[in-house]
């Protein structure tokens, strides 16, 4: 129980710190920040592929497939949003 309370405390503090850091980012830096988040999501995708490929049980395989689908959607959506944001900085030809 003590480990759970410690982990929950760290999680809640991380939420508050993350919220404060993200709200302080000026709009000009949102695109580079999102690109970094996309890179982290790519690492998550690789991790989900590895763990779901182990096929330990049927449940882990199903959960792994769901994780791969969600991580893929996150990466693709993130890059689409980044591409659109970068398009706003281009001049009209």
N, C-alpha and C. Protein backbone atom coordinates (compact mmCIF):
# COMPACT_ATOMS: atom_id res chain seq x y z
N UNK A 1 0.82 -1.20 0.00
CA UNK A 1 0.00 0.00 0.00
C UNK A 1 0.86 1.26 0.00
N UNK A 2 1.98 1.23 0.72
CA UNK A 2 2.86 2.40 0.75
C UNK A 2 3.44 2.70 -0.62
N UNK A 3 3.75 1.65 -1.37
CA UNK A 3 4.31 1.84 -2.71
C UNK A 3 3.27 2.49 -3.62
N UNK A 4 2.02 2.07 -3.49
CA UNK A 4 0.95 2.65 -4.30
C UNK A 4 0.76 4.13 -3.99
N UNK A 5 0.77 4.48 -2.73
CA UNK A 5 0.60 5.88 -2.34
C UNK A 5 1.76 6.72 -2.85
N UNK A 6 2.98 6.19 -2.77
CA UNK A 6 4.15 6.92 -3.28
C UNK A 6 4.05 7.10 -4.80
N UNK A 7 3.66 6.04 -5.50
CA UNK A 7 3.53 6.13 -6.96
C UNK A 7 2.42 7.09 -7.35
N UNK A 8 1.31 7.05 -6.63
CA UNK A 8 0.20 7.97 -6.91
C UNK A 8 0.60 9.42 -6.65
N UNK A 9 1.36 9.65 -5.60
CA UNK A 9 1.84 11.00 -5.29
C UNK A 9 2.74 11.52 -6.39
N UNK A 10 3.66 10.69 -6.86
CA UNK A 10 4.56 11.10 -7.96
C UNK A 10 3.76 11.38 -9.22
N UNK A 11 2.77 10.54 -9.49
CA UNK A 11 1.94 10.74 -10.68
C UNK A 11 1.19 12.06 -10.63
N UNK A 12 0.58 12.37 -9.50
CA UNK A 12 -0.18 13.62 -9.36
C UNK A 12 0.75 14.83 -9.45
N UNK A 13 1.91 14.75 -8.83
CA UNK A 13 2.87 15.85 -8.93
C UNK A 13 3.34 16.04 -10.37
N UNK A 14 3.56 14.93 -11.08
CA UNK A 14 3.97 15.02 -12.49
C UNK A 14 2.87 15.67 -13.33
N UNK A 15 1.62 15.37 -13.02
CA UNK A 15 0.51 16.02 -13.73
C UNK A 15 0.54 17.53 -13.54
N UNK A 16 0.71 17.97 -12.30
CA UNK A 16 0.74 19.41 -12.03
C UNK A 16 1.94 20.08 -12.69
N UNK A 17 3.10 19.47 -12.60
CA UNK A 17 4.29 20.05 -13.21
C UNK A 17 4.14 20.10 -14.73
N UNK A 18 3.65 19.01 -15.32
CA UNK A 18 3.45 18.97 -16.77
C UNK A 18 2.47 20.03 -17.24
N UNK A 19 1.39 20.20 -16.50
CA UNK A 19 0.41 21.22 -16.86
C UNK A 19 1.02 22.62 -16.79
N UNK A 20 1.76 22.88 -15.75
CA UNK A 20 2.38 24.20 -15.60
C UNK A 20 3.41 24.47 -16.69
N UNK A 21 4.18 23.46 -17.05
CA UNK A 21 5.21 23.64 -18.09
C UNK A 21 4.54 23.87 -19.44
N UNK A 22 3.53 23.09 -19.77
CA UNK A 22 2.89 23.21 -21.08
C UNK A 22 2.15 24.54 -21.22
N UNK A 23 1.50 25.02 -20.16
CA UNK A 23 0.77 26.28 -20.28
C UNK A 23 1.69 27.48 -20.39
N UNK A 24 2.95 27.33 -20.02
CA UNK A 24 3.90 28.44 -20.09
C UNK A 24 4.63 28.51 -21.44
N UNK A 25 4.38 27.54 -22.32
CA UNK A 25 5.07 27.52 -23.62
C UNK A 25 4.43 28.55 -24.54
N UNK A 26 5.24 29.46 -25.12
CA UNK A 26 4.67 30.44 -26.06
C UNK A 26 4.22 29.75 -27.35
N UNK A 27 3.24 30.33 -28.04
CA UNK A 27 2.70 29.70 -29.26
C UNK A 27 3.75 29.42 -30.33
N UNK A 28 4.81 30.21 -30.38
CA UNK A 28 5.85 30.01 -31.39
C UNK A 28 6.58 28.69 -31.20
N UNK A 29 6.61 28.18 -29.99
CA UNK A 29 7.34 26.94 -29.71
C UNK A 29 6.46 25.69 -29.71
N UNK A 30 5.18 25.84 -30.01
CA UNK A 30 4.30 24.67 -29.98
C UNK A 30 4.68 23.62 -31.02
N UNK A 31 5.09 24.05 -32.23
CA UNK A 31 5.44 23.09 -33.28
C UNK A 31 6.67 22.27 -32.90
N UNK A 32 7.78 22.87 -32.43
CA UNK A 32 8.91 22.03 -32.02
C UNK A 32 8.56 21.12 -30.84
N UNK A 33 7.73 21.61 -29.94
CA UNK A 33 7.33 20.79 -28.80
C UNK A 33 6.51 19.60 -29.26
N UNK A 34 5.63 19.81 -30.23
CA UNK A 34 4.81 18.72 -30.75
C UNK A 34 5.67 17.72 -31.50
N UNK A 35 6.70 18.19 -32.20
CA UNK A 35 7.59 17.27 -32.89
C UNK A 35 8.33 16.37 -31.90
N UNK A 36 8.72 16.92 -30.78
CA UNK A 36 9.34 16.10 -29.74
C UNK A 36 8.38 15.09 -29.17
N UNK A 37 7.13 15.49 -29.00
CA UNK A 37 6.11 14.56 -28.51
C UNK A 37 5.86 13.45 -29.51
N UNK A 38 5.93 13.77 -30.81
CA UNK A 38 5.77 12.74 -31.84
C UNK A 38 6.91 11.72 -31.77
N UNK A 39 8.12 12.19 -31.49
CA UNK A 39 9.25 11.27 -31.38
C UNK A 39 9.05 10.32 -30.19
N UNK A 40 8.55 10.85 -29.09
CA UNK A 40 8.28 9.99 -27.93
C UNK A 40 7.17 9.00 -28.26
N UNK A 41 6.16 9.42 -29.00
CA UNK A 41 5.09 8.51 -29.40
C UNK A 41 5.62 7.42 -30.32
N UNK A 42 6.60 7.76 -31.14
CA UNK A 42 7.23 6.75 -32.00
C UNK A 42 7.95 5.69 -31.18
N UNK A 43 8.60 6.11 -30.11
CA UNK A 43 9.25 5.15 -29.22
C UNK A 43 8.20 4.25 -28.56
N UNK A 44 7.08 4.84 -28.18
CA UNK A 44 5.98 4.06 -27.61
C UNK A 44 5.48 3.03 -28.61
N UNK A 45 5.39 3.42 -29.87
CA UNK A 45 4.93 2.49 -30.90
C UNK A 45 5.89 1.31 -31.04
N UNK A 46 7.18 1.58 -31.03
CA UNK A 46 8.16 0.49 -31.11
C UNK A 46 8.02 -0.44 -29.90
N UNK A 47 7.84 0.14 -28.71
CA UNK A 47 7.67 -0.68 -27.52
C UNK A 47 6.42 -1.55 -27.58
N UNK A 48 5.32 -0.99 -28.09
CA UNK A 48 4.11 -1.79 -28.20
C UNK A 48 4.25 -2.90 -29.23
N UNK A 49 4.98 -2.64 -30.30
CA UNK A 49 5.22 -3.69 -31.29
C UNK A 49 6.03 -4.84 -30.70
N UNK A 50 7.04 -4.49 -29.93
CA UNK A 50 7.89 -5.53 -29.33
C UNK A 50 7.10 -6.36 -28.33
N UNK A 51 6.37 -5.68 -27.45
CA UNK A 51 5.66 -6.42 -26.41
C UNK A 51 4.49 -7.22 -26.97
N UNK A 52 3.80 -6.71 -27.98
CA UNK A 52 2.70 -7.49 -28.54
C UNK A 52 3.21 -8.64 -29.40
N UNK A 53 4.40 -8.50 -29.94
CA UNK A 53 4.98 -9.58 -30.75
C UNK A 53 5.44 -10.77 -29.93
N UNK A 54 5.56 -10.61 -28.62
CA UNK A 54 5.98 -11.73 -27.76
C UNK A 54 4.90 -12.79 -27.64
N UNK A 55 3.64 -12.42 -27.75
CA UNK A 55 2.50 -13.33 -27.72
C UNK A 55 2.55 -14.28 -26.53
N UNK A 56 2.62 -13.71 -25.33
CA UNK A 56 2.67 -14.53 -24.12
C UNK A 56 1.34 -15.24 -23.89
N UNK A 57 0.25 -14.49 -23.93
CA UNK A 57 -1.09 -15.07 -23.81
C UNK A 57 -1.99 -14.40 -24.83
N UNK A 58 -3.17 -14.92 -24.96
CA UNK A 58 -4.12 -14.31 -25.89
C UNK A 58 -4.49 -12.90 -25.44
N UNK A 59 -4.65 -12.71 -24.14
CA UNK A 59 -5.00 -11.38 -23.62
C UNK A 59 -3.91 -10.37 -23.92
N UNK A 60 -2.65 -10.74 -23.71
CA UNK A 60 -1.57 -9.79 -23.98
C UNK A 60 -1.45 -9.49 -25.47
N UNK A 61 -1.75 -10.46 -26.30
CA UNK A 61 -1.71 -10.23 -27.74
C UNK A 61 -2.82 -9.25 -28.15
N UNK A 62 -4.01 -9.43 -27.61
CA UNK A 62 -5.12 -8.53 -27.92
C UNK A 62 -4.84 -7.12 -27.41
N UNK A 63 -4.39 -7.02 -26.16
CA UNK A 63 -4.05 -5.71 -25.60
C UNK A 63 -2.90 -5.06 -26.37
N UNK A 64 -1.94 -5.88 -26.80
CA UNK A 64 -0.83 -5.35 -27.60
C UNK A 64 -1.30 -4.81 -28.94
N UNK A 65 -2.24 -5.51 -29.57
CA UNK A 65 -2.78 -5.04 -30.84
C UNK A 65 -3.49 -3.71 -30.66
N UNK A 66 -4.28 -3.60 -29.59
CA UNK A 66 -4.98 -2.34 -29.31
C UNK A 66 -3.98 -1.22 -29.04
N UNK A 67 -2.91 -1.54 -28.30
CA UNK A 67 -1.89 -0.53 -28.02
C UNK A 67 -1.18 -0.08 -29.29
N UNK A 68 -0.89 -1.02 -30.19
CA UNK A 68 -0.25 -0.67 -31.46
C UNK A 68 -1.16 0.24 -32.28
N UNK A 69 -2.46 -0.09 -32.33
CA UNK A 69 -3.40 0.73 -33.10
C UNK A 69 -3.50 2.14 -32.52
N UNK A 70 -3.58 2.24 -31.20
CA UNK A 70 -3.69 3.57 -30.58
C UNK A 70 -2.41 4.37 -30.73
N UNK A 71 -1.25 3.74 -30.57
CA UNK A 71 0.01 4.45 -30.72
C UNK A 71 0.21 4.90 -32.16
N UNK A 72 -0.20 4.08 -33.12
CA UNK A 72 -0.10 4.46 -34.53
C UNK A 72 -0.98 5.66 -34.83
N UNK A 73 -2.21 5.63 -34.32
CA UNK A 73 -3.11 6.77 -34.53
C UNK A 73 -2.53 8.04 -33.91
N UNK A 74 -1.90 7.91 -32.75
CA UNK A 74 -1.30 9.07 -32.08
C UNK A 74 -0.15 9.64 -32.90
N UNK A 75 0.71 8.78 -33.42
CA UNK A 75 1.86 9.24 -34.21
C UNK A 75 1.38 9.90 -35.51
N UNK A 76 0.48 9.23 -36.23
CA UNK A 76 0.00 9.78 -37.50
C UNK A 76 -0.74 11.10 -37.28
N UNK A 77 -1.61 11.14 -36.29
CA UNK A 77 -2.33 12.38 -35.99
C UNK A 77 -1.40 13.51 -35.60
N UNK A 78 -0.38 13.19 -34.81
CA UNK A 78 0.58 14.20 -34.39
C UNK A 78 1.34 14.79 -35.57
N UNK A 79 1.76 13.92 -36.49
CA UNK A 79 2.49 14.43 -37.65
C UNK A 79 1.58 15.22 -38.58
N UNK A 80 0.32 14.83 -38.70
CA UNK A 80 -0.61 15.61 -39.52
C UNK A 80 -0.83 17.00 -38.94
N UNK A 81 -0.98 17.08 -37.64
CA UNK A 81 -1.16 18.38 -36.99
C UNK A 81 0.10 19.23 -37.14
N UNK A 82 1.28 18.61 -36.96
CA UNK A 82 2.53 19.34 -37.12
C UNK A 82 2.68 19.85 -38.55
N UNK A 83 2.33 19.02 -39.53
CA UNK A 83 2.42 19.43 -40.93
C UNK A 83 1.49 20.63 -41.20
N UNK A 84 0.31 20.58 -40.64
CA UNK A 84 -0.62 21.69 -40.84
C UNK A 84 -0.12 22.97 -40.16
N UNK A 85 0.45 22.82 -38.96
CA UNK A 85 0.98 24.00 -38.27
C UNK A 85 2.14 24.60 -39.04
N UNK A 86 3.02 23.76 -39.59
CA UNK A 86 4.14 24.28 -40.37
C UNK A 86 3.66 24.97 -41.64
N UNK A 87 2.55 24.48 -42.19
CA UNK A 87 1.98 25.11 -43.38
C UNK A 87 1.50 26.54 -43.12
N UNK A 88 1.17 26.85 -41.88
CA UNK A 88 0.75 28.21 -41.55
C UNK A 88 1.90 29.19 -41.62
N UNK A 89 3.15 28.71 -41.53
CA UNK A 89 4.31 29.60 -41.57
C UNK A 89 4.84 29.81 -42.98
N UNK A 90 4.35 29.07 -43.95
CA UNK A 90 4.81 29.21 -45.32
C UNK A 90 4.13 30.43 -45.96
N UNK A 91 4.87 31.03 -46.87
CA UNK A 91 4.30 32.17 -47.59
C UNK A 91 3.39 31.68 -48.70
N UNK A 92 2.52 32.54 -49.16
CA UNK A 92 1.61 32.19 -50.25
C UNK A 92 2.35 32.36 -51.58
N UNK A 93 2.28 31.31 -52.40
CA UNK A 93 2.97 31.35 -53.72
C UNK A 93 2.00 31.66 -54.82
